[in-house]
C-alpha atoms as a PDB file:
ATOM      1  CA  MET A   1       8.820   7.765  -8.112  1.00  0.00           C
ATOM      2  CA  LEU A   2       8.108   4.042  -7.874  1.00  0.00           C
ATOM      3  CA  GLY A   3       5.965   2.793  -5.007  1.00  0.00           C
ATOM      4  CA  LEU A   4       7.391  -0.429  -3.550  1.00  0.00           C
ATOM      5  CA  VAL A   5       5.290  -2.610  -1.252  1.00  0.00           C
ATOM      6  CA  LEU A   6       7.400  -4.896   0.921  1.00  0.00           C
ATOM      7  CA  ALA A   7       5.651  -8.231   1.409  1.00  0.00           C
ATOM      8  CA  GLY A   8       8.512 -10.582   2.203  1.00  0.00           C
ATOM      9  CA  GLY A   9       7.922 -11.235   5.907  1.00  0.00           C
ATOM     10  CA  LEU A  10       7.206 -14.736   7.240  1.00  0.00           C
ATOM     11  CA  SER A  11       4.288 -13.616   9.448  1.00  0.00           C
ATOM     12  CA  ARG A  12       5.230 -15.937  12.321  1.00  0.00           C
ATOM     13  CA  ARG A  13       3.218 -13.967  14.904  1.00  0.00           C
ATOM     14  CA  MET A  14       0.110 -14.178  12.698  1.00  0.00           C
ATOM     15  CA  GLY A  15       0.407 -17.940  12.300  1.00  0.00           C
ATOM     16  CA  GLY A  16       2.311 -17.927   9.001  1.00  0.00           C
ATOM     17  CA  GLY A  17       1.256 -17.227   5.439  1.00  0.00           C
ATOM     18  CA  ASP A  18       1.272 -13.965   3.533  1.00  0.00           C
ATOM     19  CA  LYS A  19       0.374 -11.282   6.022  1.00  0.00           C
ATOM     20  CA  PRO A  20      -0.592  -8.693   3.341  1.00  0.00           C
ATOM     21  CA  LEU A  21      -3.332 -11.099   2.221  1.00  0.00           C
ATOM     22  CA  ALA A  22      -4.953 -11.121   5.674  1.00  0.00           C
ATOM     23  CA  MET A  23      -8.479  -9.748   5.629  1.00  0.00           C
ATOM     24  CA  LEU A  24      -9.478  -6.466   7.268  1.00  0.00           C
ATOM     25  CA  GLY A  25     -13.077  -5.326   6.954  1.00  0.00           C
ATOM     26  CA  GLY A  26     -13.716  -7.565   3.964  1.00  0.00           C
ATOM     27  CA  ARG A  27     -10.594  -6.488   2.059  1.00  0.00           C
ATOM     28  CA  THR A  28      -6.977  -7.601   2.209  1.00  0.00           C
ATOM     29  CA  LEU A  29      -4.366  -5.490   3.930  1.00  0.00           C
ATOM     30  CA  LEU A  30      -2.584  -5.326   0.578  1.00  0.00           C
ATOM     31  CA  ALA A  31      -5.664  -3.905  -1.167  1.00  0.00           C
ATOM     32  CA  ARG A  32      -5.802  -1.158   1.440  1.00  0.00           C
ATOM     33  CA  VAL A  33      -2.089  -0.394   1.018  1.00  0.00           C
ATOM     34  CA  ILE A  34      -2.539  -0.179  -2.767  1.00  0.00           C
ATOM     35  CA  GLU A  35      -5.509   2.152  -2.363  1.00  0.00           C
ATOM     36  CA  ARG A  36      -3.449   4.517  -0.200  1.00  0.00           C
ATOM     37  CA  LEU A  37      -0.165   4.400  -2.103  1.00  0.00           C
ATOM     38  CA  ALA A  38      -1.103   4.175  -5.786  1.00  0.00           C
ATOM     39  CA  PRO A  39      -2.490   7.732  -6.122  1.00  0.00           C
ATOM     40  CA  GLN A  40       0.809   9.060  -4.742  1.00  0.00           C
ATOM     41  CA  CYS A  41       2.986   7.171  -7.243  1.00  0.00           C
ATOM     42  CA  PRO A  42       2.071   8.006 -10.856  1.00  0.00           C
ATOM     43  CA  ALA A  43       4.979   5.839 -12.072  1.00  0.00           C
ATOM     44  CA  GLY A  44       3.197   2.818 -10.617  1.00  0.00           C
ATOM     45  CA  LEU A  45       3.752   0.180  -7.962  1.00  0.00           C
ATOM     46  CA  ALA A  46       5.882  -2.921  -7.542  1.00  0.00           C
ATOM     47  CA  LEU A  47       5.668  -5.662  -4.938  1.00  0.00           C
ATOM     48  CA  SER A  48       8.677  -7.210  -3.216  1.00  0.00           C
ATOM     49  CA  ALA A  49       7.857 -10.866  -2.557  1.00  0.00           C
ATOM     50  CA  ASN A  50       9.559 -14.225  -2.957  1.00  0.00           C
ATOM     51  CA  GLY A  51       7.963 -17.514  -3.920  1.00  0.00           C
ATOM     52  CA  ASP A  52       5.129 -18.080  -6.365  1.00  0.00           C
ATOM     53  CA  PRO A  53       4.057 -14.665  -7.695  1.00  0.00           C
ATOM     54  CA  ALA A  54       0.667 -16.080  -8.738  1.00  0.00           C
ATOM     55  CA  ARG A  55      -0.656 -15.570  -5.208  1.00  0.00           C
ATOM     56  CA  PHE A  56      -0.430 -11.835  -5.881  1.00  0.00           C
ATOM     57  CA  ARG A  57      -2.057 -12.024  -9.317  1.00  0.00           C
ATOM     58  CA  ASP A  58      -4.330  -9.078  -8.508  1.00  0.00           C
ATOM     59  CA  PHE A  59      -1.444  -6.733  -7.726  1.00  0.00           C
ATOM     60  CA  PRO A  60      -1.331  -3.864 -10.268  1.00  0.00           C
ATOM     61  CA  GLY A  61       2.385  -4.112 -11.040  1.00  0.00           C
ATOM     62  CA  PRO A  62       5.360  -6.470 -11.186  1.00  0.00           C
ATOM     63  CA  VAL A  63       6.221  -8.845  -8.370  1.00  0.00           C
ATOM     64  CA  LEU A  64       9.951  -8.587  -7.681  1.00  0.00           C
ATOM     65  CA  ALA A  65      11.832 -11.488  -6.111  1.00  0.00           C
ATOM     66  CA  ASP A  66      15.162 -11.026  -4.348  1.00  0.00           C
ATOM     67  CA  ASP A  67      18.132 -11.750  -6.592  1.00  0.00           C
ATOM     68  CA  LEU A  68      20.333 -12.537  -3.593  1.00  0.00           C
ATOM     69  CA  PRO A  69      20.568 -15.957  -1.897  1.00  0.00           C
ATOM     70  CA  ASP A  70      19.012 -16.791   1.477  1.00  0.00           C
ATOM     71  CA  HIS A  71      16.479 -13.928   1.377  1.00  0.00           C
ATOM     72  CA  PRO A  72      18.478 -11.486   3.528  1.00  0.00           C
ATOM     73  CA  GLY A  73      15.503  -9.361   4.544  1.00  0.00           C
ATOM     74  CA  PRO A  74      13.946  -5.995   3.683  1.00  0.00           C
ATOM     75  CA  LEU A  75      17.159  -4.498   2.294  1.00  0.00           C
ATOM     76  CA  ALA A  76      17.155  -7.129  -0.460  1.00  0.00           C
ATOM     77  CA  GLY A  77      13.597  -6.188  -1.339  1.00  0.00           C
ATOM     78  CA  ILE A  78      14.522  -2.523  -1.432  1.00  0.00           C
ATOM     79  CA  LEU A  79      17.468  -3.357  -3.697  1.00  0.00           C
ATOM     80  CA  ALA A  80      15.151  -5.240  -6.066  1.00  0.00           C
ATOM     81  CA  GLY A  81      12.922  -2.182  -6.162  1.00  0.00           C
ATOM     82  CA  LEU A  82      15.843   0.151  -6.860  1.00  0.00           C
ATOM     83  CA  ASP A  83      17.094  -2.099  -9.660  1.00  0.00           C
ATOM     84  CA  HIS A  84      13.619  -2.203 -11.206  1.00  0.00           C
ATOM     85  CA  ALA A  85      13.261   1.586 -10.933  1.00  0.00           C
ATOM     86  CA  ALA A  86      16.683   2.091 -12.531  1.00  0.00           C
ATOM     87  CA  GLY A  87      15.630  -0.069 -15.464  1.00  0.00           C
ATOM     88  CA  ARG A  88      12.664   2.228 -15.989  1.00  0.00           C
ATOM     89  CA  GLY A  89      14.709   5.413 -15.745  1.00  0.00           C
ATOM     90  CA  LEU A  90      13.167   6.455 -12.421  1.00  0.00           C
ATOM     91  CA  SER A  91      15.144   8.350  -9.803  1.00  0.00           C
ATOM     92  CA  ALA A  92      13.660   7.139  -6.529  1.00  0.00           C
ATOM     93  CA  VAL A  93      11.593   4.510  -4.752  1.00  0.00           C
ATOM     94  CA  VAL A  94       9.199   4.935  -1.845  1.00  0.00           C
ATOM     95  CA  SER A  95       8.944   1.724   0.158  1.00  0.00           C
ATOM     96  CA  VAL A  96       6.081   0.825   2.487  1.00  0.00           C
ATOM     97  CA  SER A  97       5.138  -2.199   4.548  1.00  0.00           C
ATOM     98  CA  GLY A  98       2.544  -4.524   3.065  1.00  0.00           C
ATOM     99  CA  ASP A  99       0.809  -4.813   6.438  1.00  0.00           C
ATOM    100  CA  ALA A 100       0.218  -1.090   7.098  1.00  0.00           C
ATOM    101  CA  PRO A 101      -3.368  -0.451   5.921  1.00  0.00           C
ATOM    102  CA  PHE A 102      -3.716   3.189   7.017  1.00  0.00           C
ATOM    103  CA  LEU A 103      -0.837   4.923   5.240  1.00  0.00           C
ATOM    104  CA  PRO A 104      -1.217   8.721   5.090  1.00  0.00           C
ATOM    105  CA  ALA A 105      -2.343  10.316   1.837  1.00  0.00           C
ATOM    106  CA  ASP A 106       0.539  12.804   2.022  1.00  0.00           C
ATOM    107  CA  LEU A 107       3.256  10.206   2.620  1.00  0.00           C
ATOM    108  CA  VAL A 108       5.233  10.674  -0.597  1.00  0.00           C
ATOM    109  CA  ALA A 109       4.891  14.462  -0.676  1.00  0.00           C
ATOM    110  CA  ARG A 110       6.147  14.851   2.880  1.00  0.00           C
ATOM    111  CA  LEU A 111       9.052  12.438   2.416  1.00  0.00           C
ATOM    112  CA  VAL A 112      10.140  14.343  -0.701  1.00  0.00           C
ATOM    113  CA  ALA A 113       9.848  17.665   1.128  1.00  0.00           C
ATOM    114  CA  ALA A 114      11.813  16.414   4.149  1.00  0.00           C
ATOM    115  CA  ARG A 115      14.629  15.166   1.948  1.00  0.00           C
ATOM    116  CA  GLU A 116      14.814  18.454   0.061  1.00  0.00           C
ATOM    117  CA  VAL A 117      14.922  20.505   3.271  1.00  0.00           C
ATOM    118  CA  GLU A 118      17.551  18.356   4.992  1.00  0.00           C
ATOM    119  CA  ARG A 119      19.537  17.652   1.795  1.00  0.00           C
ATOM    120  CA  LEU A 120      20.037  14.037   2.807  1.00  0.00           C
ATOM    121  CA  PRO A 121      19.795  11.047   0.457  1.00  0.00           C
ATOM    122  CA  ILE A 122      17.071   9.115   2.319  1.00  0.00           C
ATOM    123  CA  ALA A 123      13.866  10.234   4.003  1.00  0.00           C
ATOM    124  CA  LEU A 124      11.844   8.112   6.377  1.00  0.00           C
ATOM    125  CA  ALA A 125       8.558   8.297   8.239  1.00  0.00           C
ATOM    126  CA  ALA A 126       8.127   8.441  12.000  1.00  0.00           C
ATOM    127  CA  SER A 127       5.313   8.332  14.556  1.00  0.00           C
ATOM    128  CA  ARG A 128       5.197   7.945  18.328  1.00  0.00           C
ATOM    129  CA  GLU A 129       8.854   9.049  18.352  1.00  0.00           C
ATOM    130  CA  ARG A 130       9.676   5.860  16.424  1.00  0.00           C
ATOM    131  CA  GLU A 131      11.312   5.849  13.026  1.00  0.00           C
ATOM    132  CA  HIS A 132       9.843   3.434  10.478  1.00  0.00           C
ATOM    133  CA  TYR A 133      12.856   2.282   8.491  1.00  0.00           C
ATOM    134  CA  THR A 134      10.896   0.452   5.810  1.00  0.00           C
ATOM    135  CA  VAL A 135       8.577   3.414   5.134  1.00  0.00           C
ATOM    136  CA  ALA A 136      11.107   5.521   3.327  1.00  0.00           C
ATOM    137  CA  LEU A 137      12.236   7.278   0.185  1.00  0.00           C
ATOM    138  CA  TRP A 138      15.357   5.773  -1.415  1.00  0.00           C
ATOM    139  CA  PRO A 139      17.346   7.314  -4.278  1.00  0.00           C
ATOM    140  CA  VAL A 140      18.174   4.943  -7.114  1.00  0.00           C
ATOM    141  CA  ALA A 141      21.706   6.346  -6.945  1.00  0.00           C
ATOM    142  CA  LEU A 142      22.263   4.312  -3.750  1.00  0.00           C
ATOM    143  CA  ARG A 143      21.629   0.925  -5.334  1.00  0.00           C
ATOM    144  CA  ALA A 144      25.291   0.074  -6.002  1.00  0.00           C
ATOM    145  CA  GLU A 145      26.183   0.913  -2.415  1.00  0.00           C
ATOM    146  CA  LEU A 146      23.241  -1.111  -1.124  1.00  0.00           C
ATOM    147  CA  ARG A 147      24.277  -4.135  -3.181  1.00  0.00           C
ATOM    148  CA  ALA A 148      27.825  -3.833  -1.838  1.00  0.00           C
ATOM    149  CA  ALA A 149      26.496  -3.613   1.723  1.00  0.00           C
ATOM    150  CA  LEU A 150      24.448  -6.780   1.252  1.00  0.00           C
ATOM    151  CA  VAL A 151      26.913  -8.854  -0.774  1.00  0.00           C
ATOM    152  CA  GLU A 152      30.312  -7.713   0.467  1.00  0.00           C
ATOM    153  CA  ARG A 153      29.608  -6.685   4.062  1.00  0.00           C
ATOM    154  CA  GLY A 154      26.677  -8.975   4.849  1.00  0.00           C
ATOM    155  CA  GLU A 155      24.600  -6.016   6.052  1.00  0.00           C
ATOM    156  CA  ARG A 156      21.098  -7.005   7.134  1.00  0.00           C
ATOM    157  CA  ARG A 157      19.910  -4.161   9.365  1.00  0.00           C
ATOM    158  CA  VAL A 158      17.939  -1.469   7.566  1.00  0.00           C
ATOM    159  CA  GLY A 159      18.627   1.037  10.350  1.00  0.00           C
ATOM    160  CA  ALA A 160      22.379   0.561  10.111  1.00  0.00           C
ATOM    161  CA  PHE A 161      22.377   1.220   6.367  1.00  0.00           C
ATOM    162  CA  ILE A 162      20.240   4.320   6.839  1.00  0.00           C
ATOM    163  CA  ALA A 163      22.495   5.622   9.610  1.00  0.00           C
ATOM    164  CA  ARG A 164      25.539   5.256   7.388  1.00  0.00           C
ATOM    165  CA  HIS A 165      24.046   7.453   4.672  1.00  0.00           C
ATOM    166  CA  GLY A 166      21.833   9.843   6.584  1.00  0.00           C
ATOM    167  CA  ALA A 167      18.090  10.335   6.498  1.00  0.00           C
ATOM    168  CA  ALA A 168      15.633  13.158   6.898  1.00  0.00           C
ATOM    169  CA  VAL A 169      12.644  12.325   9.094  1.00  0.00           C
ATOM    170  CA  ALA A 170       9.018  13.282   8.538  1.00  0.00           C
ATOM    171  CA  ALA A 171       6.816  12.692  11.589  1.00  0.00           C
ATOM    172  CA  TRP A 172       3.063  12.136  11.666  1.00  0.00           C
ATOM    173  CA  PRO A 173       0.605  12.528  14.578  1.00  0.00           C
ATOM    174  CA  THR A 174      -0.906   9.393  16.059  1.00  0.00           C
ATOM    175  CA  GLU A 175      -4.357  10.724  16.863  1.00  0.00           C
ATOM    176  CA  PRO A 176      -6.944   9.464  16.225  1.00  0.00           C
ATOM    177  CA  PHE A 177      -4.712   6.525  15.230  1.00  0.00           C
ATOM    178  CA  ASP A 178      -1.165   5.768  14.140  1.00  0.00           C
ATOM    179  CA  PRO A 179      -1.124   5.836  10.307  1.00  0.00           C
ATOM    180  CA  PHE A 180       1.800   3.400  10.356  1.00  0.00           C
ATOM    181  CA  LEU A 181       0.086   0.728  12.417  1.00  0.00           C
ATOM    182  CA  ASN A 182       1.587  -2.610  11.372  1.00  0.00           C
ATOM    183  CA  VAL A 183      -0.597  -5.682  11.648  1.00  0.00           C
ATOM    184  CA  ASN A 184       1.899  -8.072  13.215  1.00  0.00           C
ATOM    185  CA  THR A 185      -0.302  -9.943  15.684  1.00  0.00           C
ATOM    186  CA  PRO A 186      -3.971 -10.923  16.082  1.00  0.00           C
ATOM    187  CA  GLU A 187      -4.231  -8.087  18.604  1.00  0.00           C
ATOM    188  CA  ASP A 188      -2.979  -5.620  15.984  1.00  0.00           C
ATOM    189  CA  LEU A 189      -5.552  -6.939  13.537  1.00  0.00           C
ATOM    190  CA  ALA A 190      -8.305  -6.412  16.122  1.00  0.00           C
ATOM    191  CA  ALA A 191      -7.126  -2.822  16.649  1.00  0.00           C
ATOM    192  CA  ALA A 192      -7.105  -2.263  12.885  1.00  0.00           C
ATOM    193  CA  GLU A 193     -10.641  -3.665  12.662  1.00  0.00           C
ATOM    194  CA  ARG A 194     -11.789  -1.072  15.200  1.00  0.00           C
ATOM    195  CA  ILE A 195     -10.135   1.742  13.236  1.00  0.00           C
ATOM    196  CA  ALA A 196     -11.600   0.560   9.935  1.00  0.00           C
ATOM    197  CA  ALA A 197     -15.056   0.214  11.472  1.00  0.00           C
ATOM    198  CA  ALA A 198     -14.837   3.799  12.747  1.00  0.00           C
ATOM    199  CA  GLY A 199     -14.223   5.002   9.187  1.00  0.00           C
END
């Protein structure tokens, strides 16, 4: 199981730049994501990001750029992760957002269990009755179909691709906080600061 951190967003609502490199309690969001995800992925981590990879020099794994033109969004990053995993002989990828600093420690285990119970190819996380399409388990066997969706059909919506293939859902409670909180705005960052300060 390869852990794939998606860091390709443009961070417009945060004023631009690389959102995973924003600071939270003296550490980057990305450092917090790594801390949560790495112990769950013995095969290691990879980072999906375009542009100069040197800005992520401290990341403990390869930085994977999209191999499709025009940076068509998270699905292209997931495809890059699946291609990398296939080259290493791995069977699946667990993707997470690079701006979600409080990922649950049982994320991978529960996604695997949900997929096995439902016998569906994909498993994704949910909280507050909302499905998190980019926090998901993807089988490497889907990479050819994903490439066809992106290249031949121009698919861009992660939810549409998931709906076509079927996904099991693992839901988490949101008390005392939502473990899938995304830091998309300064207000989100302030909320994350309060959570981090509370330990």
